[in-house]
Protein backbone atom coordinates (compact mmCIF):
# COMPACT_ATOMS: atom_id res chain seq x y z
CA UNK A 1 -125.85 -51.33 91.98
CA UNK A 2 -129.45 -52.48 92.04
CA UNK A 3 -131.97 -50.28 90.21
CA UNK A 4 -135.07 -49.99 92.39
CA UNK A 5 -138.54 -49.51 90.91
CA UNK A 6 -141.81 -48.49 92.55
CA UNK A 7 -145.30 -49.53 91.44
CA UNK A 8 -147.26 -46.35 90.66
CA UNK A 9 -150.43 -47.95 89.31
CA UNK A 10 -152.46 -45.81 91.74
CA UNK A 11 -151.25 -42.56 90.11
CA UNK A 12 -153.89 -41.20 87.77
CA UNK A 13 -151.95 -38.18 86.50
CA UNK A 14 -148.92 -36.05 87.24
CA UNK A 15 -147.76 -32.55 86.46
CA UNK A 16 -144.54 -30.54 86.48
CA UNK A 17 -144.56 -26.76 86.51
CA UNK A 18 -142.82 -23.74 87.96
CA UNK A 19 -144.10 -20.99 90.18
CA UNK A 20 -142.65 -18.07 88.32
CA UNK A 21 -140.17 -15.67 89.83
CA UNK A 22 -139.17 -12.21 88.63
CA UNK A 23 -137.23 -11.08 85.56
CA UNK A 24 -134.06 -9.09 86.16
CA UNK A 25 -131.00 -8.03 84.20
CA UNK A 26 -129.98 -5.57 81.57
CA UNK A 27 -131.10 -5.41 77.95
CA UNK A 28 -130.10 -8.58 76.14
CA UNK A 29 -129.17 -10.37 79.37
CA UNK A 30 -132.45 -10.77 81.20
CA UNK A 31 -133.06 -13.82 83.37
CA UNK A 32 -135.79 -15.16 85.63
CA UNK A 33 -134.81 -15.63 89.27
CA UNK A 34 -136.46 -17.03 92.41
CA UNK A 35 -138.78 -19.44 90.64
CA UNK A 36 -139.84 -22.68 92.34
CA UNK A 37 -140.01 -26.14 90.76
CA UNK A 38 -143.16 -28.09 91.62
CA UNK A 39 -144.11 -31.65 90.75
CA UNK A 40 -147.61 -32.93 91.45
CA UNK A 41 -149.15 -36.39 91.59
CA UNK A 42 -152.87 -37.14 91.48
CA UNK A 43 -154.55 -40.42 92.48
CA UNK A 44 -156.80 -42.36 90.16
CA UNK A 45 -159.44 -42.04 92.84
CA UNK A 46 -159.18 -38.81 94.82
CA UNK A 47 -160.65 -39.51 98.24
CA UNK A 48 -159.79 -36.31 100.13
CA UNK A 49 -160.80 -32.71 99.43
CA UNK A 50 -157.43 -31.05 100.11
CA UNK A 51 -154.03 -31.82 98.60
CA UNK A 52 -150.87 -32.16 100.68
CA UNK A 53 -147.97 -29.84 99.89
CA UNK A 54 -144.62 -31.24 101.02
CA UNK A 55 -141.63 -29.00 101.75
CA UNK A 56 -138.15 -30.55 102.16
CA UNK A 57 -135.43 -29.35 104.52
CA UNK A 58 -131.85 -28.07 104.22
CA UNK A 59 -129.56 -29.81 101.75
CA UNK A 60 -132.49 -31.87 100.48
CA UNK A 61 -134.73 -31.91 97.39
CA UNK A 62 -138.04 -33.51 96.45
CA UNK A 63 -136.17 -36.82 96.34
CA UNK A 64 -136.84 -37.04 100.09
CA UNK A 65 -140.51 -37.66 99.36
CA UNK A 66 -140.11 -39.85 96.26
CA UNK A 67 -138.09 -42.87 97.38
CA UNK A 68 -135.96 -44.04 100.29
CA UNK A 69 -132.18 -44.55 99.97
CA UNK A 70 -132.70 -48.32 99.90
CA UNK A 71 -135.39 -48.12 97.21
CA UNK A 72 -138.64 -48.40 99.15
CA UNK A 73 -141.78 -46.36 98.58
CA UNK A 74 -141.57 -42.72 99.64
CA UNK A 75 -144.27 -40.63 101.21
CA UNK A 76 -145.37 -38.95 97.99
CA UNK A 77 -146.43 -42.24 96.42
CA UNK A 78 -147.87 -43.53 99.67
CA UNK A 79 -150.05 -40.47 100.21
CA UNK A 80 -151.26 -40.67 96.61
CA UNK A 81 -152.04 -44.39 97.10
CA UNK A 82 -154.31 -43.30 99.96
CA UNK A 83 -156.25 -40.91 97.75
CA UNK A 84 -154.44 -37.59 98.29
CA UNK A 85 -153.20 -35.25 95.61
CA UNK A 86 -149.61 -34.32 96.47
CA UNK A 87 -147.50 -31.30 95.51
CA UNK A 88 -143.74 -31.38 96.06
CA UNK A 89 -141.89 -28.06 96.21
CA UNK A 90 -138.18 -27.70 95.51
CA UNK A 91 -136.97 -24.56 97.24
CA UNK A 92 -135.91 -21.59 95.07
CA UNK A 93 -132.13 -21.61 94.42
CA UNK A 94 -132.08 -25.34 95.10
CA UNK A 95 -132.08 -28.44 92.91
CA UNK A 96 -134.25 -27.86 89.84
CA UNK A 97 -135.11 -24.31 90.92
CA UNK A 98 -132.60 -21.97 89.31
CA UNK A 99 -129.75 -20.46 91.32
CA UNK A 100 -127.88 -17.28 90.36
CA UNK A 101 -125.01 -16.44 92.73
CA UNK A 102 -125.12 -12.72 91.91
CA UNK A 103 -128.79 -12.57 92.95
CA UNK A 104 -129.16 -15.27 95.57
CA UNK A 105 -125.88 -15.08 97.45
CA UNK A 106 -123.62 -17.84 98.80
CA UNK A 107 -124.56 -21.45 99.34
CA UNK A 108 -123.31 -24.14 101.68
CA UNK A 109 -123.60 -27.91 101.98
CA UNK A 110 -123.62 -30.74 104.51
CA UNK A 111 -120.31 -32.53 104.88
CA UNK A 112 -120.41 -36.31 104.99
CA UNK A 113 -119.34 -36.07 108.61
CA UNK A 114 -122.28 -33.78 109.41
CA UNK A 115 -124.65 -36.19 107.68
CA UNK A 116 -123.72 -38.76 110.31
CA UNK A 117 -126.12 -36.88 112.59
CA UNK A 118 -128.91 -38.18 110.34
CA UNK A 119 -127.60 -41.71 109.79
CA UNK A 120 -125.63 -42.91 112.81
CA UNK A 121 -126.45 -43.86 116.40
CA UNK A 122 -123.57 -42.07 118.10
CA UNK A 123 -124.42 -38.36 117.96
CA UNK A 124 -123.51 -35.94 120.73
CA UNK A 125 -127.06 -35.83 122.17
CA UNK A 126 -128.22 -38.54 124.63
CA UNK A 127 -131.13 -39.80 122.51
CA UNK A 128 -128.84 -40.68 119.57
CA UNK A 129 -128.21 -44.11 121.10
CA UNK A 130 -131.85 -44.99 120.47
CA UNK A 131 -131.48 -44.68 116.68
CA UNK A 132 -132.28 -48.05 115.06
CA UNK A 133 -134.35 -47.23 111.97
CA UNK A 134 -131.77 -45.94 109.47
CA UNK A 135 -131.90 -48.26 106.41
CA UNK A 136 -128.12 -48.25 105.88
CA UNK A 137 -125.04 -48.86 107.99
CA UNK A 138 -124.67 -45.18 108.91
CA UNK A 139 -120.87 -45.27 108.78
CA UNK A 140 -118.59 -42.56 107.46
CA UNK A 141 -116.71 -44.96 105.16
CA UNK A 142 -119.84 -45.23 102.93
CA UNK A 143 -119.41 -48.94 102.26
CA UNK A 144 -123.18 -49.32 102.41
CA UNK A 145 -125.09 -48.54 99.20
CA UNK A 146 -128.04 -46.93 100.99
CA UNK A 147 -125.65 -44.56 102.77
CA UNK A 148 -124.01 -43.69 99.46
CA UNK A 149 -127.37 -43.04 97.84
CA UNK A 150 -128.37 -40.69 100.64
CA UNK A 151 -125.07 -38.80 100.54
CA UNK A 152 -125.27 -38.56 96.74
CA UNK A 153 -128.72 -36.97 97.00
CA UNK A 154 -127.48 -33.95 98.97
CA UNK A 155 -127.26 -30.53 97.32
CA UNK A 156 -126.09 -27.02 98.17
CA UNK A 157 -128.47 -24.61 99.87
CA UNK A 158 -128.52 -20.91 100.65
CA UNK A 159 -126.47 -19.81 103.63
CA UNK A 160 -129.23 -17.41 104.65
CA UNK A 161 -132.22 -19.20 106.17
CA UNK A 162 -134.03 -15.88 106.15
CA UNK A 163 -133.65 -15.63 102.38
CA UNK A 164 -134.81 -19.23 101.94
CA UNK A 165 -137.90 -18.50 104.00
CA UNK A 166 -138.83 -15.42 102.01
CA UNK A 167 -138.27 -16.97 98.58
CA UNK A 168 -140.12 -20.19 99.35
CA UNK A 169 -143.02 -18.56 101.17
CA UNK A 170 -143.54 -16.05 98.36
CA UNK A 171 -143.75 -18.91 95.84
CA UNK A 172 -145.88 -21.09 98.11
CA UNK A 173 -148.47 -18.34 98.47
CA UNK A 174 -148.70 -18.17 94.68
CA UNK A 175 -149.07 -21.95 94.59
CA UNK A 176 -151.97 -21.81 97.06
CA UNK A 177 -153.65 -19.14 94.96
CA UNK A 178 -153.29 -21.50 91.99
CA UNK A 179 -154.52 -24.74 93.57
CA UNK A 180 -156.69 -23.56 96.46
CA UNK A 181 -156.78 -24.72 100.10
CA UNK A 182 -154.22 -27.34 101.09
CA UNK A 183 -152.52 -29.19 103.93
CA UNK A 184 -148.88 -28.23 104.59
CA UNK A 185 -146.31 -30.87 105.53
CA UNK A 186 -142.92 -29.39 106.44
CA UNK A 187 -139.62 -30.85 107.55
CA UNK A 188 -136.70 -29.31 109.43
CA UNK A 189 -135.48 -26.11 107.73
CA UNK A 190 -138.89 -25.92 106.03
CA UNK A 191 -140.69 -25.67 109.38
CA UNK A 192 -140.79 -21.86 109.30
CA UNK A 193 -142.38 -22.02 105.84
CA UNK A 194 -145.47 -23.64 107.30
CA UNK A 195 -145.90 -21.09 110.09
CA UNK A 196 -145.34 -18.14 107.75
CA UNK A 197 -147.67 -19.44 105.02
CA UNK A 198 -150.42 -20.23 107.52
CA UNK A 199 -149.94 -16.84 109.19
CA UNK A 200 -150.31 -15.00 105.89
CA UNK A 201 -153.09 -17.11 104.34
CA UNK A 202 -154.92 -18.90 107.17
CA UNK A 203 -158.00 -19.32 105.00
CA UNK A 204 -156.03 -21.44 102.52
CA UNK A 205 -154.24 -23.67 105.06
CA UNK A 206 -156.38 -26.55 106.32
CA UNK A 207 -153.72 -28.17 108.52
CA UNK A 208 -150.00 -28.08 109.26
CA UNK A 209 -147.89 -31.15 109.98
CA UNK A 210 -144.51 -29.85 111.19
CA UNK A 211 -141.83 -32.53 111.32
CA UNK A 212 -139.05 -31.34 113.63
CA UNK A 213 -139.43 -27.73 112.43
CA UNK A 214 -136.43 -25.42 112.71
CA UNK A 215 -135.65 -24.07 116.15
CA UNK A 216 -134.67 -23.60 118.87
CA UNK A 217 -137.00 -20.70 119.60
CA UNK A 218 -135.85 -17.05 119.59
CA UNK A 219 -132.09 -17.52 120.05
CA UNK A 220 -129.37 -20.10 120.60
CA UNK A 221 -127.49 -17.69 122.86
CA UNK A 222 -128.57 -18.54 126.39
CA UNK A 223 -126.51 -15.78 127.97
CA UNK A 224 -128.56 -12.82 126.70
CA UNK A 225 -132.37 -12.54 126.79
CA UNK A 226 -132.53 -11.04 123.31
CA UNK A 227 -134.54 -12.44 120.41
CA UNK A 228 -132.73 -13.04 117.12
CA UNK A 229 -135.85 -14.41 115.41
CA UNK A 230 -139.63 -14.30 115.82
CA UNK A 231 -139.85 -17.57 117.73
CA UNK A 232 -141.11 -19.74 114.90
CA UNK A 233 -139.42 -18.05 111.94
CA UNK A 234 -136.93 -15.37 110.94
CA UNK A 235 -139.71 -13.18 109.57
CA UNK A 236 -142.45 -11.51 111.58
CA UNK A 237 -145.76 -13.19 112.32
CA UNK A 238 -149.08 -11.65 113.36
CA UNK A 239 -148.85 -11.44 117.13
CA UNK A 240 -151.51 -9.65 119.17
CA UNK A 241 -150.63 -7.32 120.80
CA UNK A 242 -148.51 -6.42 117.79
CA UNK A 243 -144.80 -7.19 117.84
CA UNK A 244 -143.22 -4.48 115.71
CA UNK A 245 -139.64 -5.67 116.09
CA UNK A 246 -137.48 -8.21 117.85
CA UNK A 247 -136.86 -5.77 120.68
CA UNK A 248 -140.56 -6.02 121.62
CA UNK A 249 -140.21 -9.62 122.80
CA UNK A 250 -139.85 -10.20 126.54
CA UNK A 251 -138.14 -13.53 127.02
CA UNK A 252 -137.67 -15.91 129.90
CA UNK A 253 -135.35 -18.89 130.04
CA UNK A 254 -137.09 -22.23 130.31
CA UNK A 255 -134.51 -24.24 132.19
CA UNK A 256 -134.17 -27.96 131.71
CA UNK A 257 -133.36 -30.20 134.63
CA UNK A 258 -132.56 -33.23 132.49
CA UNK A 259 -129.69 -34.11 130.14
CA UNK A 260 -132.21 -35.11 127.47
CA UNK A 261 -133.41 -31.52 127.02
CA UNK A 262 -131.57 -28.24 126.57
CA UNK A 263 -132.71 -24.96 128.07
CA UNK A 264 -134.17 -22.32 125.77
CA UNK A 265 -136.15 -19.12 125.42
CA UNK A 266 -139.91 -18.71 125.60
CA UNK A 267 -142.08 -15.67 126.29
CA UNK A 268 -142.85 -14.03 129.58
CA UNK A 269 -146.53 -14.05 130.51
CA UNK A 270 -148.84 -12.67 129.41
CA UNK A 271 -147.58 -13.76 126.01
CA UNK A 272 -148.88 -12.18 122.79
CA UNK A 273 -151.13 -14.47 120.74
CA UNK A 274 -150.49 -15.89 117.28
CA UNK A 275 -154.02 -15.18 116.18
CA UNK A 276 -153.77 -16.38 112.58
CA UNK A 277 -152.52 -19.82 113.60
CA UNK A 278 -155.29 -20.36 116.13
CA UNK A 279 -157.96 -22.67 114.78
CA UNK A 280 -155.74 -24.43 112.21
CA UNK A 281 -155.17 -28.12 113.05
CA UNK A 282 -151.46 -28.45 113.82
CA UNK A 283 -149.28 -31.43 114.64
CA UNK A 284 -145.72 -30.93 115.86
CA UNK A 285 -143.84 -34.20 115.39
CA UNK A 286 -140.52 -35.22 116.98
CA UNK A 287 -138.61 -38.48 116.59
CA UNK A 288 -137.33 -40.43 119.56
CA UNK A 289 -133.61 -40.43 118.64
CA UNK A 290 -133.27 -37.10 116.84
CA UNK A 291 -131.29 -34.10 118.05
CA UNK A 292 -134.64 -32.28 117.88
CA UNK A 293 -135.76 -34.37 120.86
CA UNK A 294 -133.63 -31.96 122.92
CA UNK A 295 -135.51 -28.79 122.07
CA UNK A 296 -138.79 -29.25 120.17
CA UNK A 297 -140.53 -29.05 123.55
CA UNK A 298 -139.71 -25.31 123.47
CA UNK A 299 -141.81 -24.88 120.33
CA UNK A 300 -144.62 -26.84 121.95
CA UNK A 301 -144.43 -24.50 124.95
CA UNK A 302 -144.35 -21.38 122.76
CA UNK A 303 -147.34 -22.43 120.65
CA UNK A 304 -149.32 -23.16 123.80
CA UNK A 305 -148.58 -19.87 125.52
CA UNK A 306 -149.38 -18.00 122.27
CA UNK A 307 -152.86 -19.54 122.15
CA UNK A 308 -152.24 -22.03 119.32
CA UNK A 309 -154.08 -25.29 119.91
CA UNK A 310 -151.96 -28.16 118.59
CA UNK A 311 -150.79 -31.70 119.21
CA UNK A 312 -147.17 -32.32 120.23
CA UNK A 313 -146.49 -35.86 119.05
CA UNK A 314 -143.31 -37.51 120.33
CA UNK A 315 -143.07 -40.64 118.23
CA UNK A 316 -141.53 -42.73 121.00
CA UNK A 317 -144.46 -41.98 123.28
CA UNK A 318 -146.79 -42.86 120.40
CA UNK A 319 -145.16 -46.30 120.21
CA UNK A 320 -142.98 -45.61 117.16
CA UNK A 321 -139.39 -46.15 118.21
CA UNK A 322 -135.88 -45.70 116.89
CA UNK A 323 -136.28 -42.82 114.46
CA UNK A 324 -133.99 -39.87 113.94
CA UNK A 325 -134.34 -36.67 111.93
CA UNK A 326 -134.89 -38.18 108.45
CA UNK A 327 -137.97 -40.13 109.47
CA UNK A 328 -139.50 -40.14 105.97
CA UNK A 329 -136.52 -42.18 104.70
CA UNK A 330 -136.19 -44.70 107.51
CA UNK A 331 -137.15 -48.35 107.71
CA UNK A 332 -140.53 -47.66 109.32
CA UNK A 333 -141.33 -44.61 107.20
CA UNK A 334 -144.76 -45.91 106.20
CA UNK A 335 -145.72 -46.58 109.82
CA UNK A 336 -145.11 -42.88 110.51
CA UNK A 337 -146.99 -41.95 107.34
CA UNK A 338 -149.97 -44.01 108.54
CA UNK A 339 -149.99 -42.09 111.81
CA UNK A 340 -150.04 -38.77 109.95
CA UNK A 341 -152.73 -39.99 107.58
CA UNK A 342 -154.90 -41.01 110.53
CA UNK A 343 -154.86 -37.37 111.67
CA UNK A 344 -155.50 -35.90 108.23
CA UNK A 345 -158.46 -38.15 107.50
CA UNK A 346 -160.47 -35.89 109.81
CA UNK A 347 -159.73 -32.73 107.81
CA UNK A 348 -162.82 -31.86 105.80
């Protein structure tokens, strides 16, 4: 096995700390739960006023941002090399953030077979055949070292997405209070974190880059027009007129007439507005070959009808081809990073 190294001469300083949780337990057996591990990297020459906070997705850790499975530079280093301070957040009950089964409940994990959806080019969705950027072989026999490194990096995560959202958002709000205004970069399961954080502290969120964030909207059950979530997250957001509960949503089915997209739920007009997200620069990013290419258009539609100005960036249409869900790890990861950086350079 080759040991890969990355030049970090552009890093001026780094820090490791925890956003503290709460202390529970009986006398003599107290413990802290729901804390969040954070590592931060600061450039020798800081060229941008706001740091970037990166949130990983399900089954992942901060490793996603640190290095690729084949040993190339990850986004954390690359953003720092471009003059950004970067904070990486490991979700509570995940990785280096403590997990207590009696407090946090059951966990689950991705099987190797399920991970093929990230690595291979033969998924069940039509766009999978376009996947060319995975750095390994993407085969289930794991004969390729990059594939083995990716599989080895996977960890257990909470079964309840709703719990993950609450725990991470609570800690992230404390982090923002500690470091001040920041840019949020979310991926996959972490997508709801960005919407919820921005909704609760819009004054401290300078931009949101949402890489294939969660979804589909409202419900996966297409037979019943009944919301099982708040569209963007499992927790409530500030809609106007106020949405007091899931039963207040009036849904319509947005039907797809193409095999490349699945039908899904959006809001009947006039739709309530997501007032706290309006005015925040937002980019919704979808890869060409990902399973998210089937349904991220629903989130684009929902944001638009709820009055949230944003950019829906489909990488294939932007000239960046062959990527699937784990875009930050793929062969052209820095090309995608450059595209994101070109947007953020205008955030002052």
